[in-house]
Amino acid sequence: MAAVRRKIGAALAQYRGFSQRGFRIVAAYDTNPDKIGRTLDGVEVRDMSRLETDVAADPPDIAVLAIPSDGAQQVLDRVVKAGLKAVLNFAPSQLHAPADVTVKTVNMAMELEGLTFALTNKD
């Protein structure tokens, strides 16, 4: 499952369905030097150290977290401190945010369990 999780961010950055619904991916961030500087369907992967500066210059409406759970709270705290008020979280962890910040967590393991249950209980 770890290999899948590492690719969620790249898949989301390249997903064309967002633009069809009026969403525009403005940037992707990573701490891995091998990924920084690459482009994903026209979206540059930037160094995570640029996050606050970039958000101040061109504030997005929503942040999407697709990172391992051990760093998710720290990144959420940085995103909140930078001023974002809406976060879609793919990290497999419960995050804590101030009351004025909306965090929606997508738990893919639970979604797969729900589908498995539906398949085994079709009758």
Protein backbone atom coordinates (compact mmCIF):
# COMPACT_ATOMS: atom_id res chain seq x y z
CA MET A 1 0.00 0.00 0.00
CA ALA A 2 2.91 2.39 0.57
CA ALA A 3 3.72 2.53 -3.15
CA VAL A 4 0.15 3.52 -3.91
CA ARG A 5 0.10 6.27 -1.27
CA ARG A 6 3.26 7.86 -2.67
CA LYS A 7 1.64 8.22 -6.06
CA ILE A 8 -1.68 9.72 -4.93
CA GLY A 9 -0.32 13.26 -5.02
CA ALA A 10 1.03 12.84 -8.54
CA ALA A 11 -2.22 11.27 -9.70
CA LEU A 12 -4.26 14.11 -8.21
CA ALA A 13 -2.02 16.77 -9.76
CA GLN A 14 -2.52 15.19 -13.18
CA TYR A 15 -6.24 14.43 -12.87
CA ARG A 16 -8.02 16.30 -15.67
CA GLY A 17 -11.44 15.98 -14.06
CA PHE A 18 -10.61 18.89 -11.75
CA SER A 19 -10.33 21.40 -14.59
CA GLN A 20 -13.55 20.09 -16.11
CA ARG A 21 -15.26 21.07 -12.86
CA GLY A 22 -13.61 24.49 -12.60
CA PHE A 23 -10.73 23.62 -10.26
CA ARG A 24 -7.18 24.65 -11.13
CA ILE A 25 -4.13 23.01 -9.56
CA VAL A 26 -1.70 25.88 -8.90
CA ALA A 27 1.21 23.99 -7.37
CA ALA A 28 2.43 20.70 -5.96
CA TYR A 29 4.98 20.42 -3.16
CA ASP A 30 7.38 17.71 -2.03
CA THR A 31 10.43 17.28 0.17
CA ASN A 32 12.03 14.66 -2.08
CA PRO A 33 14.86 16.27 -4.09
CA ASP A 34 14.29 13.74 -6.90
CA LYS A 35 10.74 15.05 -7.42
CA ILE A 36 11.34 18.79 -6.96
CA GLY A 37 11.52 20.59 -10.28
CA ARG A 38 9.58 17.99 -12.22
CA THR A 39 6.29 18.86 -13.86
CA LEU A 40 3.10 16.86 -13.59
CA ASP A 41 0.81 17.73 -16.48
CA GLY A 42 2.06 21.32 -16.44
CA VAL A 43 2.19 21.62 -12.64
CA GLU A 44 5.66 22.20 -11.22
CA VAL A 45 6.63 20.19 -8.15
CA ARG A 46 8.08 22.79 -5.80
CA ASP A 47 10.21 22.48 -2.71
CA MET A 48 8.05 22.38 0.42
CA SER A 49 10.16 25.20 1.86
CA ARG A 50 8.41 27.55 -0.61
CA LEU A 51 4.90 26.83 0.69
CA GLU A 52 4.33 29.90 2.86
CA THR A 53 5.91 32.30 0.36
CA ASP A 54 3.89 30.90 -2.55
CA VAL A 55 0.62 30.96 -0.59
CA ALA A 56 1.22 34.58 0.40
CA ALA A 57 1.87 35.55 -3.24
CA ASP A 58 -1.00 33.58 -4.81
CA PRO A 59 -3.35 32.18 -2.15
CA PRO A 60 -5.22 29.04 -3.19
CA ASP A 61 -8.70 28.29 -1.87
CA ILE A 62 -8.10 24.66 -0.98
CA ALA A 63 -5.06 22.60 0.03
CA VAL A 64 -4.88 18.89 -0.74
CA LEU A 65 -2.69 16.75 1.50
CA ALA A 66 -1.48 13.49 -0.03
CA ILE A 67 1.37 12.65 2.31
CA PRO A 68 2.26 9.97 4.86
CA SER A 69 0.40 10.26 8.15
CA ASP A 70 3.52 10.96 10.22
CA GLY A 71 3.95 14.41 8.62
CA ALA A 72 0.33 15.30 7.95
CA GLN A 73 -0.42 17.28 11.12
CA GLN A 74 2.73 19.36 10.73
CA VAL A 75 1.88 20.18 7.11
CA LEU A 76 -1.72 20.97 8.05
CA ASP A 77 -0.45 23.35 10.73
CA ARG A 78 1.71 25.13 8.14
CA VAL A 79 -1.17 25.36 5.66
CA VAL A 80 -3.48 26.78 8.34
CA LYS A 81 -0.84 29.26 9.51
CA ALA A 82 -0.45 30.37 5.88
CA GLY A 83 -4.16 31.24 5.89
CA LEU A 84 -5.95 28.42 4.10
CA LYS A 85 -9.39 27.51 5.42
CA ALA A 86 -10.23 24.33 3.45
CA VAL A 87 -8.19 21.12 3.27
CA LEU A 88 -8.81 17.80 1.56
CA ASN A 89 -6.78 15.19 3.43
CA PHE A 90 -5.70 11.89 1.88
CA ALA A 91 -3.29 11.11 4.73
CA PRO A 92 -4.49 8.11 6.71
CA SER A 93 -4.74 9.99 10.00
CA GLN A 94 -7.12 12.12 12.00
CA LEU A 95 -6.00 15.74 11.84
CA HIS A 96 -6.84 18.57 14.20
CA ALA A 97 -7.54 22.05 12.88
CA PRO A 98 -9.02 25.24 14.31
CA ALA A 99 -12.80 25.55 14.22
CA ASP A 100 -12.70 27.99 11.30
CA VAL A 101 -10.82 25.50 9.07
CA THR A 102 -12.69 22.71 7.29
CA VAL A 103 -10.79 19.45 6.87
CA LYS A 104 -12.36 16.65 4.83
CA THR A 105 -10.53 13.33 5.16
CA VAL A 106 -10.74 10.72 2.43
CA ASN A 107 -10.02 7.32 3.95
CA MET A 108 -9.50 5.03 0.98
CA ALA A 109 -9.07 1.92 3.14
CA MET A 110 -12.51 2.45 4.68
CA GLU A 111 -14.02 3.08 1.24
CA LEU A 112 -12.55 -0.21 -0.01
CA GLU A 113 -13.86 -2.02 3.08
CA GLY A 114 -17.31 -0.59 2.35
CA LEU A 115 -17.17 -1.86 -1.21
CA THR A 116 -16.00 -5.28 -0.04
CA PHE A 117 -18.89 -5.43 2.42
CA ALA A 118 -21.34 -4.45 -0.34
CA LEU A 119 -19.96 -7.16 -2.64
CA THR A 120 -20.19 -9.89 -0.02
CA ASN A 121 -23.70 -8.88 1.11
CA LYS A 122 -25.42 -8.34 -2.26
CA ASP A 123 -28.28 -10.75 -1.54
